[in-house]
């Protein structure tokens, strides 16, 4: 992953629906370069395409954020679901 990949991901985080042409203009590269970089990032699992619901529009009045700190050794040995069940 290089600077162009990073910059592409930053722009996609701002608005994931930007066209390849618009992204190419912003990043000063060709549309084909953006398309190829996007497809490579997607196929390697570096980025994902998701739809994020507007929770306020769905009637939720409060949104909570939870952070979880897990040692990699525990994650490899037990997995996330097992560790989460130990601390409800």
PDB file of N, CA and C in Angstrom:
ATOM      1  N   UNK A   1       0.838  -1.168   0.000  1.00  0.00           N
ATOM      2  CA  UNK A   1       0.000   0.000   0.000  1.00  0.00           C
ATOM      3  C   UNK A   1       0.889   1.240   0.000  1.00  0.00           C
ATOM      4  N   UNK A   2       0.614   2.161  -0.885  1.00  0.00           N
ATOM      5  CA  UNK A   2       1.425   3.371  -0.979  1.00  0.00           C
ATOM      6  C   UNK A   2       0.567   4.597  -0.686  1.00  0.00           C
ATOM      7  N   UNK A   3       1.162   5.758  -0.901  1.00  0.00           N
ATOM      8  CA  UNK A   3       0.484   7.029  -0.596  1.00  0.00           C
ATOM      9  C   UNK A   3      -0.801   7.186  -1.412  1.00  0.00           C
ATOM     10  N   UNK A   4      -0.795   6.781  -2.662  1.00  0.00           N
ATOM     11  CA  UNK A   4      -1.986   6.903  -3.500  1.00  0.00           C
ATOM     12  C   UNK A   4      -3.122   6.041  -2.949  1.00  0.00           C
ATOM     13  N   UNK A   5      -2.820   4.815  -2.533  1.00  0.00           N
ATOM     14  CA  UNK A   5      -3.841   3.967  -1.921  1.00  0.00           C
ATOM     15  C   UNK A   5      -4.416   4.644  -0.680  1.00  0.00           C
ATOM     16  N   UNK A   6      -3.539   5.184   0.144  1.00  0.00           N
ATOM     17  CA  UNK A   6      -3.970   5.878   1.358  1.00  0.00           C
ATOM     18  C   UNK A   6      -4.876   7.057   1.012  1.00  0.00           C
ATOM     19  N   UNK A   7      -4.437   7.890   0.083  1.00  0.00           N
ATOM     20  CA  UNK A   7      -5.222   9.062  -0.304  1.00  0.00           C
ATOM     21  C   UNK A   7      -6.568   8.652  -0.902  1.00  0.00           C
ATOM     22  N   UNK A   8      -6.589   7.581  -1.661  1.00  0.00           N
ATOM     23  CA  UNK A   8      -7.836   7.081  -2.231  1.00  0.00           C
ATOM     24  C   UNK A   8      -8.792   6.658  -1.113  1.00  0.00           C
ATOM     25  N   UNK A   9      -8.276   5.956  -0.122  1.00  0.00           N
ATOM     26  CA  UNK A   9      -9.135   5.535   0.990  1.00  0.00           C
ATOM     27  C   UNK A   9      -9.653   6.727   1.788  1.00  0.00           C
ATOM     28  N   UNK A  10      -8.829   7.744   1.969  1.00  0.00           N
ATOM     29  CA  UNK A  10      -9.269   8.954   2.676  1.00  0.00           C
ATOM     30  C   UNK A  10     -10.436   9.599   1.930  1.00  0.00           C
ATOM     31  N   UNK A  11     -10.308   9.718   0.617  1.00  0.00           N
ATOM     32  CA  UNK A  11     -11.379  10.320  -0.180  1.00  0.00           C
ATOM     33  C   UNK A  11     -12.647   9.468  -0.144  1.00  0.00           C
ATOM     34  N   UNK A  12     -12.493   8.159  -0.189  1.00  0.00           N
ATOM     35  CA  UNK A  12     -13.661   7.267  -0.140  1.00  0.00           C
ATOM     36  C   UNK A  12     -14.353   7.335   1.215  1.00  0.00           C
ATOM     37  N   UNK A  13     -13.594   7.572   2.286  1.00  0.00           N
ATOM     38  CA  UNK A  13     -14.203   7.719   3.602  1.00  0.00           C
ATOM     39  C   UNK A  13     -15.028   8.993   3.682  1.00  0.00           C
ATOM     40  N   UNK A  14     -14.621  10.015   2.964  1.00  0.00           N
ATOM     41  CA  UNK A  14     -15.399  11.259   2.934  1.00  0.00           C
ATOM     42  C   UNK A  14     -16.726  11.042   2.228  1.00  0.00           C
ATOM     43  N   UNK A  15     -16.666  10.337   1.099  1.00  0.00           N
ATOM     44  CA  UNK A  15     -17.872  10.046   0.313  1.00  0.00           C
ATOM     45  C   UNK A  15     -17.582   8.835  -0.559  1.00  0.00           C
ATOM     46  N   UNK A  16     -18.077   7.693  -0.145  1.00  0.00           N
ATOM     47  CA  UNK A  16     -17.820   6.453  -0.852  1.00  0.00           C
ATOM     48  C   UNK A  16     -18.515   6.335  -2.189  1.00  0.00           C
ATOM     49  N   UNK A  17     -19.363   7.310  -2.531  1.00  0.00           N
ATOM     50  CA  UNK A  17     -20.094   7.251  -3.794  1.00  0.00           C
ATOM     51  C   UNK A  17     -19.468   8.126  -4.879  1.00  0.00           C
ATOM     52  N   UNK A  18     -18.294   8.672  -4.607  1.00  0.00           N
ATOM     53  CA  UNK A  18     -17.625   9.489  -5.619  1.00  0.00           C
ATOM     54  C   UNK A  18     -17.272   8.631  -6.832  1.00  0.00           C
ATOM     55  N   UNK A  19     -17.384   9.222  -7.990  1.00  0.00           N
ATOM     56  CA  UNK A  19     -17.060   8.485  -9.216  1.00  0.00           C
ATOM     57  C   UNK A  19     -15.550   8.328  -9.360  1.00  0.00           C
ATOM     58  N   UNK A  20     -15.163   7.324 -10.138  1.00  0.00           N
ATOM     59  CA  UNK A  20     -13.736   7.139 -10.421  1.00  0.00           C
ATOM     60  C   UNK A  20     -13.169   8.385 -11.092  1.00  0.00           C
ATOM     61  N   UNK A  21     -13.929   8.997 -11.961  1.00  0.00           N
ATOM     62  CA  UNK A  21     -13.465  10.191 -12.665  1.00  0.00           C
ATOM     63  C   UNK A  21     -13.206  11.338 -11.696  1.00  0.00           C
ATOM     64  N   UNK A  22     -14.141  11.548 -10.767  1.00  0.00           N
ATOM     65  CA  UNK A  22     -13.970  12.616  -9.777  1.00  0.00           C
ATOM     66  C   UNK A  22     -12.764  12.327  -8.885  1.00  0.00           C
ATOM     67  N   UNK A  23     -12.641  11.082  -8.429  1.00  0.00           N
ATOM     68  CA  UNK A  23     -11.495  10.706  -7.597  1.00  0.00           C
ATOM     69  C   UNK A  23     -10.180  10.893  -8.352  1.00  0.00           C
ATOM     70  N   UNK A  24     -10.171  10.529  -9.621  1.00  0.00           N
ATOM     71  CA  UNK A  24      -8.968  10.700 -10.442  1.00  0.00           C
ATOM     72  C   UNK A  24      -8.570  12.167 -10.515  1.00  0.00           C
ATOM     73  N   UNK A  25      -9.550  13.044 -10.693  1.00  0.00           N
ATOM     74  CA  UNK A  25      -9.264  14.488 -10.729  1.00  0.00           C
ATOM     75  C   UNK A  25      -8.683  14.965  -9.399  1.00  0.00           C
ATOM     76  N   UNK A  26      -9.279  14.515  -8.292  1.00  0.00           N
ATOM     77  CA  UNK A  26      -8.792  14.925  -6.973  1.00  0.00           C
ATOM     78  C   UNK A  26      -7.372  14.439  -6.706  1.00  0.00           C
ATOM     79  N   UNK A  27      -7.066  13.234  -7.176  1.00  0.00           N
ATOM     80  CA  UNK A  27      -5.784  12.609  -6.878  1.00  0.00           C
ATOM     81  C   UNK A  27      -4.739  12.806  -7.974  1.00  0.00           C
ATOM     82  N   UNK A  28      -5.126  13.500  -9.039  1.00  0.00           N
ATOM     83  CA  UNK A  28      -4.217  13.789 -10.156  1.00  0.00           C
ATOM     84  C   UNK A  28      -3.648  12.533 -10.806  1.00  0.00           C
ATOM     85  N   UNK A  29      -4.524  11.558 -11.027  1.00  0.00           N
ATOM     86  CA  UNK A  29      -4.160  10.325 -11.729  1.00  0.00           C
ATOM     87  C   UNK A  29      -5.269  10.016 -12.731  1.00  0.00           C
ATOM     88  N   UNK A  30      -5.070   8.983 -13.528  1.00  0.00           N
ATOM     89  CA  UNK A  30      -6.085   8.632 -14.515  1.00  0.00           C
ATOM     90  C   UNK A  30      -7.247   7.883 -13.860  1.00  0.00           C
ATOM     91  N   UNK A  31      -8.375   7.883 -14.525  1.00  0.00           N
ATOM     92  CA  UNK A  31      -9.555   7.149 -14.061  1.00  0.00           C
ATOM     93  C   UNK A  31      -9.241   5.664 -13.987  1.00  0.00           C
ATOM     94  N   UNK A  32      -8.487   5.146 -14.940  1.00  0.00           N
ATOM     95  CA  UNK A  32      -8.113   3.732 -14.947  1.00  0.00           C
ATOM     96  C   UNK A  32      -7.270   3.378 -13.729  1.00  0.00           C
ATOM     97  N   UNK A  33      -6.382   4.284 -13.325  1.00  0.00           N
ATOM     98  CA  UNK A  33      -5.560   4.050 -12.140  1.00  0.00           C
ATOM     99  C   UNK A  33      -6.431   3.948 -10.893  1.00  0.00           C
ATOM    100  N   UNK A  34      -7.379   4.858 -10.751  1.00  0.00           N
ATOM    101  CA  UNK A  34      -8.289   4.823  -9.601  1.00  0.00           C
ATOM    102  C   UNK A  34      -9.096   3.527  -9.613  1.00  0.00           C
ATOM    103  N   UNK A  35      -9.637   3.183 -10.751  1.00  0.00           N
ATOM    104  CA  UNK A  35     -10.447   1.960 -10.867  1.00  0.00           C
ATOM    105  C   UNK A  35      -9.629   0.731 -10.494  1.00  0.00           C
ATOM    106  N   UNK A  36      -8.407   0.635 -11.024  1.00  0.00           N
ATOM    107  CA  UNK A  36      -7.548  -0.503 -10.719  1.00  0.00           C
ATOM    108  C   UNK A  36      -7.154  -0.549  -9.249  1.00  0.00           C
ATOM    109  N   UNK A  37      -6.812   0.598  -8.680  1.00  0.00           N
ATOM    110  CA  UNK A  37      -6.442   0.657  -7.264  1.00  0.00           C
ATOM    111  C   UNK A  37      -7.633   0.271  -6.390  1.00  0.00           C
ATOM    112  N   UNK A  38      -8.809   0.808  -6.706  1.00  0.00           N
ATOM    113  CA  UNK A  38     -10.016   0.500  -5.948  1.00  0.00           C
ATOM    114  C   UNK A  38     -10.294  -0.999  -5.977  1.00  0.00           C
ATOM    115  N   UNK A  39     -10.270  -1.589  -7.166  1.00  0.00           N
ATOM    116  CA  UNK A  39     -10.554  -3.019  -7.300  1.00  0.00           C
ATOM    117  C   UNK A  39      -9.520  -3.876  -6.566  1.00  0.00           C
ATOM    118  N   UNK A  40      -8.267  -3.455  -6.582  1.00  0.00           N
ATOM    119  CA  UNK A  40      -7.220  -4.199  -5.873  1.00  0.00           C
ATOM    120  C   UNK A  40      -7.425  -4.112  -4.365  1.00  0.00           C
ATOM    121  N   UNK A  41      -7.718  -2.919  -3.854  1.00  0.00           N
ATOM    122  CA  UNK A  41      -7.974  -2.757  -2.423  1.00  0.00           C
ATOM    123  C   UNK A  41      -9.179  -3.585  -1.991  1.00  0.00           C
ATOM    124  N   UNK A  42     -10.191  -3.608  -2.825  1.00  0.00           N
ATOM    125  CA  UNK A  42     -11.400  -4.377  -2.527  1.00  0.00           C
ATOM    126  C   UNK A  42     -11.125  -5.877  -2.554  1.00  0.00           C
ATOM    127  N   UNK A  43     -10.448  -6.349  -3.583  1.00  0.00           N
ATOM    128  CA  UNK A  43     -10.194  -7.791  -3.722  1.00  0.00           C
ATOM    129  C   UNK A  43      -9.234  -8.332  -2.661  1.00  0.00           C
ATOM    130  N   UNK A  44      -8.370  -7.478  -2.126  1.00  0.00           N
ATOM    131  CA  UNK A  44      -7.446  -7.898  -1.076  1.00  0.00           C
ATOM    132  C   UNK A  44      -8.040  -7.720   0.325  1.00  0.00           C
ATOM    133  N   UNK A  45      -9.284  -7.284   0.390  1.00  0.00           N
ATOM    134  CA  UNK A  45      -9.944  -7.131   1.683  1.00  0.00           C
ATOM    135  C   UNK A  45      -9.487  -5.932   2.483  1.00  0.00           C
ATOM    136  N   UNK A  46      -8.809  -4.989   1.848  1.00  0.00           N
ATOM    137  CA  UNK A  46      -8.328  -3.800   2.543  1.00  0.00           C
ATOM    138  C   UNK A  46      -9.469  -2.814   2.749  1.00  0.00           C
ATOM    139  N   UNK A  47     -10.390  -2.754   1.804  1.00  0.00           N
ATOM    140  CA  UNK A  47     -11.596  -1.943   1.949  1.00  0.00           C
ATOM    141  C   UNK A  47     -12.807  -2.840   1.745  1.00  0.00           C
ATOM    142  N   UNK A  48     -13.938  -2.393   2.283  1.00  0.00           N
ATOM    143  CA  UNK A  48     -15.216  -3.087   2.128  1.00  0.00           C
ATOM    144  C   UNK A  48     -16.261  -2.080   1.689  1.00  0.00           C
ATOM    145  N   UNK A  49     -17.279  -2.575   1.039  1.00  0.00           N
ATOM    146  CA  UNK A  49     -18.411  -1.733   0.674  1.00  0.00           C
ATOM    147  C   UNK A  49     -19.529  -2.044   1.646  1.00  0.00           C
ATOM    148  N   UNK A  50     -20.030  -1.018   2.328  1.00  0.00           N
ATOM    149  CA  UNK A  50     -21.086  -1.189   3.317  1.00  0.00           C
ATOM    150  C   UNK A  50     -22.100  -0.069   3.188  1.00  0.00           C
ATOM    151  N   UNK A  51     -23.314  -0.373   3.602  1.00  0.00           N
ATOM    152  CA  UNK A  51     -24.342   0.653   3.727  1.00  0.00           C
ATOM    153  C   UNK A  51     -24.492   0.952   5.211  1.00  0.00           C
ATOM    154  N   UNK A  52     -24.401   2.206   5.590  1.00  0.00           N
ATOM    155  CA  UNK A  52     -24.532   2.606   6.989  1.00  0.00           C
ATOM    156  C   UNK A  52     -25.897   3.269   7.180  1.00  0.00           C
ATOM    157  N   UNK A  53     -26.772   2.655   7.969  1.00  0.00           N
ATOM    158  CA  UNK A  53     -28.093   3.254   8.164  1.00  0.00           C
ATOM    159  C   UNK A  53     -28.009   4.534   8.985  1.00  0.00           C
ATOM    160  N   UNK A  54     -28.924   5.432   8.732  1.00  0.00           N
ATOM    161  CA  UNK A  54     -29.048   6.650   9.524  1.00  0.00           C
ATOM    162  C   UNK A  54     -29.893   6.287  10.739  1.00  0.00           C
ATOM    163  N   UNK A  55     -29.242   6.044  11.866  1.00  0.00           N
ATOM    164  CA  UNK A  55     -29.939   5.558  13.053  1.00  0.00           C
ATOM    165  C   UNK A  55     -30.939   6.562  13.607  1.00  0.00           C
ATOM    166  N   UNK A  56     -30.644   7.851  13.492  1.00  0.00           N
ATOM    167  CA  UNK A  56     -31.601   8.861  13.949  1.00  0.00           C
ATOM    168  C   UNK A  56     -32.875   8.822  13.117  1.00  0.00           C
ATOM    169  N   UNK A  57     -32.734   8.612  11.811  1.00  0.00           N
ATOM    170  CA  UNK A  57     -33.918   8.523  10.950  1.00  0.00           C
ATOM    171  C   UNK A  57     -34.741   7.275  11.257  1.00  0.00           C
ATOM    172  N   UNK A  58     -34.100   6.267  11.832  1.00  0.00           N
ATOM    173  CA  UNK A  58     -34.804   5.039  12.206  1.00  0.00           C
ATOM    174  C   UNK A  58     -35.402   5.108  13.608  1.00  0.00           C
ATOM    175  N   UNK A  59     -35.264   6.261  14.257  1.00  0.00           N
ATOM    176  CA  UNK A  59     -35.904   6.462  15.552  1.00  0.00           C
ATOM    177  C   UNK A  59     -35.022   6.258  16.764  1.00  0.00           C
ATOM    178  N   UNK A  60     -33.742   5.963  16.574  1.00  0.00           N
ATOM    179  CA  UNK A  60     -32.851   5.802  17.720  1.00  0.00           C
ATOM    180  C   UNK A  60     -32.459   7.180  18.250  1.00  0.00           C
ATOM    181  N   UNK A  61     -32.612   7.384  19.547  1.00  0.00           N
ATOM    182  CA  UNK A  61     -32.323   8.681  20.161  1.00  0.00           C
ATOM    183  C   UNK A  61     -30.893   8.770  20.699  1.00  0.00           C
ATOM    184  N   UNK A  62     -30.255   7.627  20.901  1.00  0.00           N
ATOM    185  CA  UNK A  62     -28.927   7.605  21.489  1.00  0.00           C
ATOM    186  C   UNK A  62     -28.087   6.555  20.766  1.00  0.00           C
ATOM    187  N   UNK A  63     -26.869   6.903  20.486  1.00  0.00           N
ATOM    188  CA  UNK A  63     -25.946   5.957  19.857  1.00  0.00           C
ATOM    189  C   UNK A  63     -24.755   5.799  20.788  1.00  0.00           C
ATOM    190  N   UNK A  64     -24.458   4.576  21.174  1.00  0.00           N
ATOM    191  CA  UNK A  64     -23.319   4.303  22.039  1.00  0.00           C
ATOM    192  C   UNK A  64     -22.164   3.744  21.238  1.00  0.00           C
ATOM    193  N   UNK A  65     -20.962   4.056  21.673  1.00  0.00           N
ATOM    194  CA  UNK A  65     -19.765   3.539  21.036  1.00  0.00           C
ATOM    195  C   UNK A  65     -18.997   2.740  22.081  1.00  0.00           C
ATOM    196  N   UNK A  66     -18.616   1.542  21.731  1.00  0.00           N
ATOM    197  CA  UNK A  66     -17.905   0.670  22.657  1.00  0.00           C
ATOM    198  C   UNK A  66     -16.537   0.353  22.080  1.00  0.00           C
ATOM    199  N   UNK A  67     -15.520   0.487  22.901  1.00  0.00           N
ATOM    200  CA  UNK A  67     -14.171   0.113  22.487  1.00  0.00           C
ATOM    201  C   UNK A  67     -13.769  -1.174  23.193  1.00  0.00           C
ATOM    202  N   UNK A  68     -13.108  -2.017  22.482  1.00  0.00           N
ATOM    203  CA  UNK A  68     -12.662  -3.289  23.040  1.00  0.00           C
ATOM    204  C   UNK A  68     -11.163  -3.409  22.797  1.00  0.00           C
ATOM    205  N   UNK A  69     -10.427  -3.707  23.863  1.00  0.00           N
ATOM    206  CA  UNK A  69      -8.985  -3.914  23.735  1.00  0.00           C
ATOM    207  C   UNK A  69      -8.711  -5.395  23.940  1.00  0.00           C
ATOM    208  N   UNK A  70      -8.099  -6.017  22.950  1.00  0.00           N
ATOM    209  CA  UNK A  70      -7.853  -7.457  22.977  1.00  0.00           C
ATOM    210  C   UNK A  70      -6.397  -7.713  22.623  1.00  0.00           C
ATOM    211  N   UNK A  71      -5.741  -8.547  23.409  1.00  0.00           N
ATOM    212  CA  UNK A  71      -4.376  -8.957  23.064  1.00  0.00           C
ATOM    213  C   UNK A  71      -4.452  -9.883  21.852  1.00  0.00           C
ATOM    214  N   UNK A  72      -3.554  -9.705  20.907  1.00  0.00           N
ATOM    215  CA  UNK A  72      -3.556 -10.543  19.710  1.00  0.00           C
ATOM    216  C   UNK A  72      -3.411 -12.019  20.043  1.00  0.00           C
ATOM    217  N   UNK A  73      -2.661 -12.322  21.075  1.00  0.00           N
ATOM    218  CA  UNK A  73      -2.491 -13.732  21.451  1.00  0.00           C
ATOM    219  C   UNK A  73      -3.814 -14.339  21.908  1.00  0.00           C
ATOM    220  N   UNK A  74      -4.630 -13.557  22.654  1.00  0.00           N
ATOM    221  CA  UNK A  74      -5.950 -14.048  23.075  1.00  0.00           C
ATOM    222  C   UNK A  74      -6.880 -14.178  21.891  1.00  0.00           C
ATOM    223  N   UNK A  75      -6.801 -13.244  20.989  1.00  0.00           N
ATOM    224  CA  UNK A  75      -7.656 -13.280  19.808  1.00  0.00           C
ATOM    225  C   UNK A  75      -7.367 -14.515  18.974  1.00  0.00           C
ATOM    226  N   UNK A  76      -6.086 -14.812  18.778  1.00  0.00           N
ATOM    227  CA  UNK A  76      -5.703 -15.978  17.990  1.00  0.00           C
ATOM    228  C   UNK A  76      -6.127 -17.274  18.684  1.00  0.00           C
ATOM    229  N   UNK A  77      -6.037 -17.293  20.023  1.00  0.00           N
ATOM    230  CA  UNK A  77      -6.332 -18.523  20.757  1.00  0.00           C
ATOM    231  C   UNK A  77      -7.831 -18.738  20.953  1.00  0.00           C
ATOM    232  N   UNK A  78      -8.579 -17.682  21.280  1.00  0.00           N
ATOM    233  CA  UNK A  78      -9.974 -17.844  21.671  1.00  0.00           C
ATOM    234  C   UNK A  78     -10.987 -17.305  20.667  1.00  0.00           C
ATOM    235  N   UNK A  79     -10.618 -16.298  19.924  1.00  0.00           N
ATOM    236  CA  UNK A  79     -11.563 -15.646  19.023  1.00  0.00           C
ATOM    237  C   UNK A  79     -12.363 -14.586  19.766  1.00  0.00           C
ATOM    238  N   UNK A  80     -12.939 -13.674  19.030  1.00  0.00           N
ATOM    239  CA  UNK A  80     -13.644 -12.541  19.614  1.00  0.00           C
ATOM    240  C   UNK A  80     -14.897 -12.975  20.357  1.00  0.00           C
ATOM    241  N   UNK A  81     -15.714 -13.837  19.765  1.00  0.00           N
ATOM    242  CA  UNK A  81     -16.985 -14.185  20.389  1.00  0.00           C
ATOM    243  C   UNK A  81     -16.784 -14.849  21.742  1.00  0.00           C
ATOM    244  N   UNK A  82     -15.787 -15.698  21.869  1.00  0.00           N
ATOM    245  CA  UNK A  82     -15.498 -16.353  23.138  1.00  0.00           C
ATOM    246  C   UNK A  82     -15.098 -15.328  24.189  1.00  0.00           C
ATOM    247  N   UNK A  83     -14.240 -14.398  23.829  1.00  0.00           N
ATOM    248  CA  UNK A  83     -13.793 -13.366  24.767  1.00  0.00           C
ATOM    249  C   UNK A  83     -14.942 -12.449  25.175  1.00  0.00           C
ATOM    250  N   UNK A  84     -15.832 -12.118  24.244  1.00  0.00           N
ATOM    251  CA  UNK A  84     -16.967 -11.253  24.536  1.00  0.00           C
ATOM    252  C   UNK A  84     -17.947 -11.942  25.486  1.00  0.00           C
ATOM    253  N   UNK A  85     -18.119 -13.243  25.369  1.00  0.00           N
ATOM    254  CA  UNK A  85     -19.026 -13.975  26.248  1.00  0.00           C
ATOM    255  C   UNK A  85     -18.525 -14.001  27.681  1.00  0.00           C
ATOM    256  N   UNK A  86     -17.224 -13.911  27.869  1.00  0.00           N
ATOM    257  CA  UNK A  86     -16.656 -13.915  29.216  1.00  0.00           C
ATOM    258  C   UNK A  86     -16.904 -12.612  29.947  1.00  0.00           C
ATOM    259  N   UNK A  87     -17.201 -11.546  29.210  1.00  0.00           N
ATOM    260  CA  UNK A  87     -17.392 -10.215  29.821  1.00  0.00           C
ATOM    261  C   UNK A  87     -18.671  -9.574  29.261  1.00  0.00           C
ATOM    262  N   UNK A  88     -19.836 -10.076  29.686  1.00  0.00           N
ATOM    263  CA  UNK A  88     -21.098  -9.522  29.128  1.00  0.00           C
ATOM    264  C   UNK A  88     -21.347  -8.085  29.537  1.00  0.00           C
TER     265      UNK A  88
END
